[in-house]
Amino acid sequence: MQSHRRPLAFLSGFALYVGGLAAAVAATSTPLNWLLIGRADGLAVTVRLLCLALPSLLLAVAWTYISLRSRQRSRRSSWRWYCIGMGLAMVFTFTAGFFTLAQLDATKVWSPFTLLTSARMPPFWGLQNSLAIVMGAWLGHRLLPARTTPSRSQGQGGTAPPQDPAVSRLD
């Protein structure tokens, strides 16, 4: 199982990013999106963007926590391969987004705000969603319990007595 941990972490990170973007696209068709769509002031737009990024954030936290909570020795290499998978998925979706944007109608001029924030619009597929996925993955990793293993000097019995630094070891 040790040899499968890195490829599975890579595939899990890749699938998380693609699944998080799919969750963001699904969130654009919810009734909450239609409630906030008519208002154009800054607060309403900010609330709408945060509400649309929330499913991606929650998915990323849960997915990361479940994927990386293995009982094996080290999570450090799994976390690295997980991030590499997410990074490669980002590159893949951004590249596909640029090609998709190039094929769209050339006569229509898209606003930079629409290109950056719309979950259905290439090339970024909603930059707030990408940031929510990365933040959710980081938060899910931080929520994992710390590993504590007994050191070799303590032996099998538990904790070693604290040593006083003032006492000389020569005594």
Foldseek 3Di string as FASTA:
>chain_A
DVVCLLVLLLVLLLCLLVVLLVQLVVLCPDVVVVVLVPDDDPVSVVVSLCSSQVVSLVSLLVSLLVSQQDPDDDSVSSLVSSVVSNVVNQVVQLVVQVVVVVPDDPVDDDDPVCAAADLPHDDRNGVSNSVSNVVSNVNSVVPHDDDDDDDPVCPDPDDDDDDDPVDDPVD
